[in-house]
C-alpha atoms as a PDB file:
ATOM      1  CA  MET A   1      -6.291  -7.349 -15.898  1.00  0.00           C
ATOM      2  CA  LYS A   2      -2.900  -6.884 -16.471  1.00  0.00           C
ATOM      3  CA  THR A   3      -1.986  -4.587 -13.621  1.00  0.00           C
ATOM      4  CA  PHE A   4      -3.921  -6.620 -10.870  1.00  0.00           C
ATOM      5  CA  VAL A   5      -1.519  -9.534 -12.029  1.00  0.00           C
ATOM      6  CA  VAL A   6       1.412  -7.299 -11.649  1.00  0.00           C
ATOM      7  CA  ILE A   7       0.302  -6.341  -8.325  1.00  0.00           C
ATOM      8  CA  GLY A   8      -0.092  -9.756  -7.455  1.00  0.00           C
ATOM      9  CA  ALA A   9       3.103 -10.864  -8.323  1.00  0.00           C
ATOM     10  CA  PHE A  10       4.650  -8.010  -6.456  1.00  0.00           C
ATOM     11  CA  VAL A  11       2.578  -8.843  -3.293  1.00  0.00           C
ATOM     12  CA  LEU A  12       3.838 -12.435  -3.482  1.00  0.00           C
ATOM     13  CA  LEU A  13       7.356 -11.573  -4.339  1.00  0.00           C
ATOM     14  CA  GLY A  14       7.668  -9.480  -1.681  1.00  0.00           C
ATOM     15  CA  LEU A  15       6.185 -11.465   0.817  1.00  0.00           C
ATOM     16  CA  ALA A  16       8.484 -14.432  -0.365  1.00  0.00           C
ATOM     17  CA  SER A  17      11.345 -12.710  -0.270  1.00  0.00           C
ATOM     18  CA  ALA A  18      10.238 -10.594   3.282  1.00  0.00           C
ATOM     19  CA  ILE A  19      10.174 -14.067   5.018  1.00  0.00           C
ATOM     20  CA  ALA A  20      13.559 -15.183   3.678  1.00  0.00           C
ATOM     21  CA  GLN A  21      14.717 -16.453   6.705  1.00  0.00           C
ATOM     22  CA  ALA A  22      11.696 -19.242   6.587  1.00  0.00           C
ATOM     23  CA  PRO A  23      11.293 -20.231   2.849  1.00  0.00           C
ATOM     24  CA  SER A  24       9.480 -23.135   3.251  1.00  0.00           C
ATOM     25  CA  ALA A  25       6.548 -20.930   4.713  1.00  0.00           C
ATOM     26  CA  ALA A  26       6.530 -18.722   1.324  1.00  0.00           C
ATOM     27  CA  LYS A  27       6.536 -21.965  -0.804  1.00  0.00           C
ATOM     28  CA  GLN A  28       3.649 -24.071   1.266  1.00  0.00           C
ATOM     29  CA  GLY A  29       1.563 -20.915   2.109  1.00  0.00           C
ATOM     30  CA  ALA A  30      -0.137 -22.878   4.289  1.00  0.00           C
ATOM     31  CA  VAL A  31       1.521 -21.591   7.467  1.00  0.00           C
ATOM     32  CA  SER A  32      -0.621 -20.057  10.333  1.00  0.00           C
ATOM     33  CA  THR A  33      -0.207 -16.567  10.755  1.00  0.00           C
ATOM     34  CA  THR A  34      -0.119 -16.579  14.427  1.00  0.00           C
ATOM     35  CA  ALA A  35       2.396 -18.915  16.096  1.00  0.00           C
ATOM     36  CA  SER A  36      -0.329 -19.451  19.073  1.00  0.00           C
ATOM     37  CA  GLN A  37      -2.473 -21.038  15.996  1.00  0.00           C
ATOM     38  CA  SER A  38       0.053 -23.818  15.650  1.00  0.00           C
ATOM     39  CA  LYS A  39       0.113 -24.643  19.292  1.00  0.00           C
ATOM     40  CA  ILE A  40       4.080 -24.343  19.711  1.00  0.00           C
ATOM     41  CA  ASP A  41       5.668 -25.346  22.622  1.00  0.00           C
ATOM     42  CA  PRO A  42       5.957 -21.858  24.618  1.00  0.00           C
ATOM     43  CA  ALA A  43       9.556 -22.277  25.716  1.00  0.00           C
ATOM     44  CA  LYS A  44      10.360 -23.228  21.993  1.00  0.00           C
ATOM     45  CA  GLU A  45       8.467 -20.162  20.615  1.00  0.00           C
ATOM     46  CA  ALA A  46      10.352 -18.147  22.735  1.00  0.00           C
ATOM     47  CA  ASP A  47      13.669 -19.369  21.656  1.00  0.00           C
ATOM     48  CA  ILE A  48      12.536 -18.864  17.982  1.00  0.00           C
ATOM     49  CA  ARG A  49      11.593 -15.285  18.603  1.00  0.00           C
ATOM     50  CA  ARG A  50      15.253 -14.963  20.688  1.00  0.00           C
ATOM     51  CA  LEU A  51      16.932 -16.383  17.554  1.00  0.00           C
ATOM     52  CA  LEU A  52      14.781 -14.174  14.770  1.00  0.00           C
ATOM     53  CA  ASP A  53      15.981 -10.963  16.974  1.00  0.00           C
ATOM     54  CA  LEU A  54      19.428 -12.235  17.319  1.00  0.00           C
ATOM     55  CA  VAL A  55      19.609 -12.181  13.775  1.00  0.00           C
ATOM     56  CA  GLY A  56      17.870  -9.296  12.856  1.00  0.00           C
ATOM     57  CA  THR A  57      14.706 -10.981  11.087  1.00  0.00           C
ATOM     58  CA  LYS A  58      12.726  -8.106  11.641  1.00  0.00           C
ATOM     59  CA  ALA A  59      15.177  -5.510   9.977  1.00  0.00           C
ATOM     60  CA  LEU A  60      15.811  -8.146   7.226  1.00  0.00           C
ATOM     61  CA  MET A  61      12.337  -8.304   6.279  1.00  0.00           C
ATOM     62  CA  GLN A  62      11.703  -4.285   6.365  1.00  0.00           C
ATOM     63  CA  ASN A  63      14.883  -3.563   4.352  1.00  0.00           C
ATOM     64  CA  THR A  64      13.516  -6.756   2.082  1.00  0.00           C
ATOM     65  CA  MET A  65      10.295  -5.081   1.495  1.00  0.00           C
ATOM     66  CA  GLU A  66      11.663  -1.812   1.078  1.00  0.00           C
ATOM     67  CA  SER A  67      13.873  -3.316  -1.851  1.00  0.00           C
ATOM     68  CA  SER A  68      11.170  -4.885  -3.273  1.00  0.00           C
ATOM     69  CA  ILE A  69       9.152  -1.663  -3.398  1.00  0.00           C
ATOM     70  CA  THR A  70      11.687  -0.058  -5.558  1.00  0.00           C
ATOM     71  CA  SER A  71      12.367  -2.690  -8.141  1.00  0.00           C
ATOM     72  CA  ILE A  72       8.527  -3.388  -8.595  1.00  0.00           C
ATOM     73  CA  ARG A  73       7.995   0.417  -9.116  1.00  0.00           C
ATOM     74  CA  PRO A  74       9.286   0.718 -12.592  1.00  0.00           C
ATOM     75  CA  VAL A  75       7.176  -2.543 -13.381  1.00  0.00           C
ATOM     76  CA  LEU A  76       4.165  -1.021 -12.667  1.00  0.00           C
ATOM     77  CA  THR A  77       4.871   2.020 -14.245  1.00  0.00           C
ATOM     78  CA  ASN A  78       5.854   0.044 -17.376  1.00  0.00           C
ATOM     79  CA  VAL A  79       2.564  -1.905 -16.935  1.00  0.00           C
ATOM     80  CA  LEU A  80      -0.125   0.916 -16.500  1.00  0.00           C
ATOM     81  CA  PRO A  81      -0.805   3.233 -19.187  1.00  0.00           C
ATOM     82  CA  PRO A  82       0.368   6.233 -19.102  1.00  0.00           C
ATOM     83  CA  GLY A  83      -1.602   9.353 -17.389  1.00  0.00           C
ATOM     84  CA  ASP A  84      -1.333  11.917 -15.155  1.00  0.00           C
ATOM     85  CA  TYR A  85      -3.091   9.521 -12.755  1.00  0.00           C
ATOM     86  CA  ARG A  86      -0.161   6.948 -13.045  1.00  0.00           C
ATOM     87  CA  ASP A  87       2.419   8.306 -10.283  1.00  0.00           C
ATOM     88  CA  LYS A  88      -0.636   9.016  -8.001  1.00  0.00           C
ATOM     89  CA  LEU A  89      -2.266   5.358  -8.051  1.00  0.00           C
ATOM     90  CA  ILE A  90       1.545   3.770  -7.494  1.00  0.00           C
ATOM     91  CA  ASP A  91       2.519   6.172  -4.955  1.00  0.00           C
ATOM     92  CA  LEU A  92      -0.955   5.737  -3.067  1.00  0.00           C
ATOM     93  CA  PHE A  93      -0.790   1.908  -3.750  1.00  0.00           C
ATOM     94  CA  PHE A  94       2.571   1.452  -2.064  1.00  0.00           C
ATOM     95  CA  ALA A  95       1.607   3.984   0.992  1.00  0.00           C
ATOM     96  CA  LYS A  96      -1.336   1.907   1.581  1.00  0.00           C
ATOM     97  CA  PHE A  97       0.801  -1.756   1.371  1.00  0.00           C
ATOM     98  CA  LYS A  98       3.073  -0.190   3.385  1.00  0.00           C
ATOM     99  CA  ALA A  99       0.470   1.059   5.930  1.00  0.00           C
ATOM    100  CA  GLN A 100      -1.222  -2.692   6.015  1.00  0.00           C
ATOM    101  CA  ALA A 101       2.455  -4.910   5.984  1.00  0.00           C
ATOM    102  CA  ASP A 102       2.255  -5.760   9.465  1.00  0.00           C
ATOM    103  CA  LEU A 103       5.841  -7.572   9.771  1.00  0.00           C
ATOM    104  CA  LYS A 104       4.514  -9.096  13.042  1.00  0.00           C
ATOM    105  CA  GLN A 105       2.568 -11.450  10.829  1.00  0.00           C
ATOM    106  CA  LEU A 106       5.692 -12.274   8.919  1.00  0.00           C
ATOM    107  CA  ILE A 107       7.398 -12.686  12.100  1.00  0.00           C
ATOM    108  CA  ASP A 108       4.886 -15.164  13.254  1.00  0.00           C
ATOM    109  CA  MET A 109       4.910 -16.981  10.095  1.00  0.00           C
ATOM    110  CA  SER A 110       8.713 -17.441  10.550  1.00  0.00           C
ATOM    111  CA  VAL A 111       8.262 -19.010  14.185  1.00  0.00           C
ATOM    112  CA  VAL A 112       5.829 -21.240  12.731  1.00  0.00           C
ATOM    113  CA  ALA A 113       8.150 -22.115   9.734  1.00  0.00           C
ATOM    114  CA  TYR A 114      11.024 -22.441  12.347  1.00  0.00           C
ATOM    115  CA  ASP A 115       9.246 -24.923  14.559  1.00  0.00           C
ATOM    116  CA  LYS A 116       8.303 -27.200  11.629  1.00  0.00           C
ATOM    117  CA  HIS A 117      11.846 -27.197  10.487  1.00  0.00           C
ATOM    118  CA  PHE A 118      13.730 -27.229  13.721  1.00  0.00           C
ATOM    119  CA  SER A 119      13.680 -29.111  16.765  1.00  0.00           C
ATOM    120  CA  GLY A 120      13.923 -27.196  20.265  1.00  0.00           C
ATOM    121  CA  ASP A 121      17.873 -28.331  20.416  1.00  0.00           C
ATOM    122  CA  GLU A 122      18.509 -27.195  16.695  1.00  0.00           C
ATOM    123  CA  ILE A 123      17.019 -23.713  17.816  1.00  0.00           C
ATOM    124  CA  LYS A 124      19.444 -23.461  20.923  1.00  0.00           C
ATOM    125  CA  GLY A 125      22.041 -24.710  18.943  1.00  0.00           C
ATOM    126  CA  LEU A 126      21.485 -21.522  16.254  1.00  0.00           C
ATOM    127  CA  ILE A 127      21.108 -19.344  19.070  1.00  0.00           C
ATOM    128  CA  LYS A 128      24.594 -20.468  20.244  1.00  0.00           C
ATOM    129  CA  PHE A 129      26.114 -20.039  16.986  1.00  0.00           C
ATOM    130  CA  TYR A 130      24.604 -16.549  16.176  1.00  0.00           C
ATOM    131  CA  GLU A 131      25.846 -15.372  19.722  1.00  0.00           C
ATOM    132  CA  THR A 132      29.777 -16.151  18.748  1.00  0.00           C
ATOM    133  CA  PRO A 133      31.954 -13.603  16.952  1.00  0.00           C
ATOM    134  CA  LEU A 134      31.656 -15.721  13.809  1.00  0.00           C
ATOM    135  CA  GLY A 135      27.754 -15.811  13.830  1.00  0.00           C
ATOM    136  CA  GLN A 136      27.787 -12.166  14.632  1.00  0.00           C
ATOM    137  CA  LYS A 137      29.857 -11.843  11.770  1.00  0.00           C
ATOM    138  CA  ALA A 138      27.351 -13.562   9.604  1.00  0.00           C
ATOM    139  CA  VAL A 139      24.473 -11.957  10.645  1.00  0.00           C
ATOM    140  CA  SER A 140      26.407  -8.540   9.831  1.00  0.00           C
ATOM    141  CA  GLU A 141      27.628  -9.629   6.552  1.00  0.00           C
ATOM    142  CA  LEU A 142      25.042 -11.692   4.966  1.00  0.00           C
ATOM    143  CA  PRO A 143      22.705  -8.834   3.729  1.00  0.00           C
ATOM    144  CA  GLN A 144      25.454  -7.267   1.943  1.00  0.00           C
ATOM    145  CA  LEU A 145      26.767 -10.740   0.846  1.00  0.00           C
ATOM    146  CA  VAL A 146      23.187 -11.245  -0.916  1.00  0.00           C
ATOM    147  CA  SER A 147      22.791  -8.020  -2.180  1.00  0.00           C
ATOM    148  CA  GLU A 148      26.099  -8.146  -4.220  1.00  0.00           C
ATOM    149  CA  LEU A 149      25.253 -11.843  -5.107  1.00  0.00           C
ATOM    150  CA  GLY A 150      21.698 -10.467  -6.154  1.00  0.00           C
ATOM    151  CA  GLU A 151      23.379  -7.620  -8.147  1.00  0.00           C
ATOM    152  CA  ALA A 152      25.479  -9.997  -9.535  1.00  0.00           C
ATOM    153  CA  GLY A 153      22.699 -12.503 -10.226  1.00  0.00           C
ATOM    154  CA  ARG A 154      20.819  -9.417 -12.080  1.00  0.00           C
ATOM    155  CA  THR A 155      23.710  -8.496 -14.425  1.00  0.00           C
ATOM    156  CA  TRP A 156      24.354 -11.973 -15.597  1.00  0.00           C
ATOM    157  CA  GLY A 157      20.817 -12.473 -16.094  1.00  0.00           C
ATOM    158  CA  GLU A 158      20.400  -9.625 -18.112  1.00  0.00           C
ATOM    159  CA  LYS A 159      23.591 -10.061 -20.060  1.00  0.00           C
ATOM    160  CA  LEU A 160      22.510 -14.086 -20.904  1.00  0.00           C
ATOM    161  CA  GLY A 161      18.931 -12.798 -21.819  1.00  0.00           C
ATOM    162  CA  ARG A 162      20.471 -10.248 -24.262  1.00  0.00           C
ATOM    163  CA  GLU A 163      22.589 -12.870 -25.674  1.00  0.00           C
ATOM    164  CA  CYS A 164      20.032 -15.441 -25.769  1.00  0.00           C
ATOM    165  CA  MET A 165      17.286 -12.788 -27.699  1.00  0.00           C
ATOM    166  CA  GLY A 166      19.963 -11.989 -30.150  1.00  0.00           C
ATOM    167  CA  GLN A 167      20.711 -15.801 -30.733  1.00  0.00           C
ATOM    168  CA  VAL A 168      16.726 -16.364 -31.240  1.00  0.00           C
ATOM    169  CA  LEU A 169      16.606 -13.567 -33.125  1.00  0.00           C
ATOM    170  CA  ALA A 170      19.391 -14.474 -35.606  1.00  0.00           C
ATOM    171  CA  GLU A 171      18.185 -17.965 -35.974  1.00  0.00           C
ATOM    172  CA  HIS A 172      14.702 -16.805 -36.738  1.00  0.00           C
ATOM    173  CA  PRO A 173      15.001 -13.878 -39.516  1.00  0.00           C
ATOM    174  CA  ASP A 174      11.227 -14.172 -39.593  1.00  0.00           C
ATOM    175  CA  LEU A 175      10.653 -13.181 -35.941  1.00  0.00           C
ATOM    176  CA  GLN A 176      13.476 -10.575 -36.218  1.00  0.00           C
ATOM    177  CA  ALA A 177      11.505  -8.709 -38.965  1.00  0.00           C
ATOM    178  CA  ALA A 178       7.950  -9.206 -37.112  1.00  0.00           C
ATOM    179  CA  LEU A 179       9.469  -7.761 -33.981  1.00  0.00           C
ATOM    180  CA  GLU A 180      11.097  -4.592 -36.081  1.00  0.00           C
ATOM    181  CA  ALA A 181       7.667  -4.052 -37.581  1.00  0.00           C
ATOM    182  CA  ALA A 182       6.118  -4.408 -34.504  1.00  0.00           C
ATOM    183  CA  GLU A 183       8.321  -1.857 -32.529  1.00  0.00           C
ATOM    184  CA  LYS A 184       7.924   0.638 -35.802  1.00  0.00           C
ATOM    185  CA  ALA A 185       4.145   0.391 -35.308  1.00  0.00           C
ATOM    186  CA  ALA A 186       4.259   1.245 -31.931  1.00  0.00           C
ATOM    187  CA  HIS A 187       6.507   4.222 -32.475  1.00  0.00           C
ATOM    188  CA  SER A 188       4.172   5.521 -34.945  1.00  0.00           C
ATOM    189  CA  ARG A 189       1.148   5.721 -32.505  1.00  0.00           C
END
């Protein structure tokens, strides 16, 4: 059961991350998977798709998916019981996931979300901005910036987590003793 929860969390996290260009779509979950189902004005839809191409949304989604797979692999390895089957199961799962992950569906969801949150004139304004040298610099620099901020946030969170756990255990010696006993029992198995 725990395995299915982790896999489900991976899928949700991967999809939520992959549609970073349309964050409200991930939050609401009710966004149509095809732009045509939402009856978007064809001219506005074309502009939205142009904007998504201009900012490299498909590549961003692909990179985010690959990054998510890389980061979730150790989690799955730790959650699944050890055995010769484990690596093969994880490899097959990711192969199946990659084969069935249709970025076109994510792009379509992004189109719907952009239509919901931006007017036609705003989309045109974004296109104009991203066609400028500053807009192109933003497109080229933002992935590295997000990566650096993500790494800094991860490092900060790990440090803060260790400090908080140390403080809690120092404040509650009974829990410290229970933790040590559990670790000894796990190692003796």
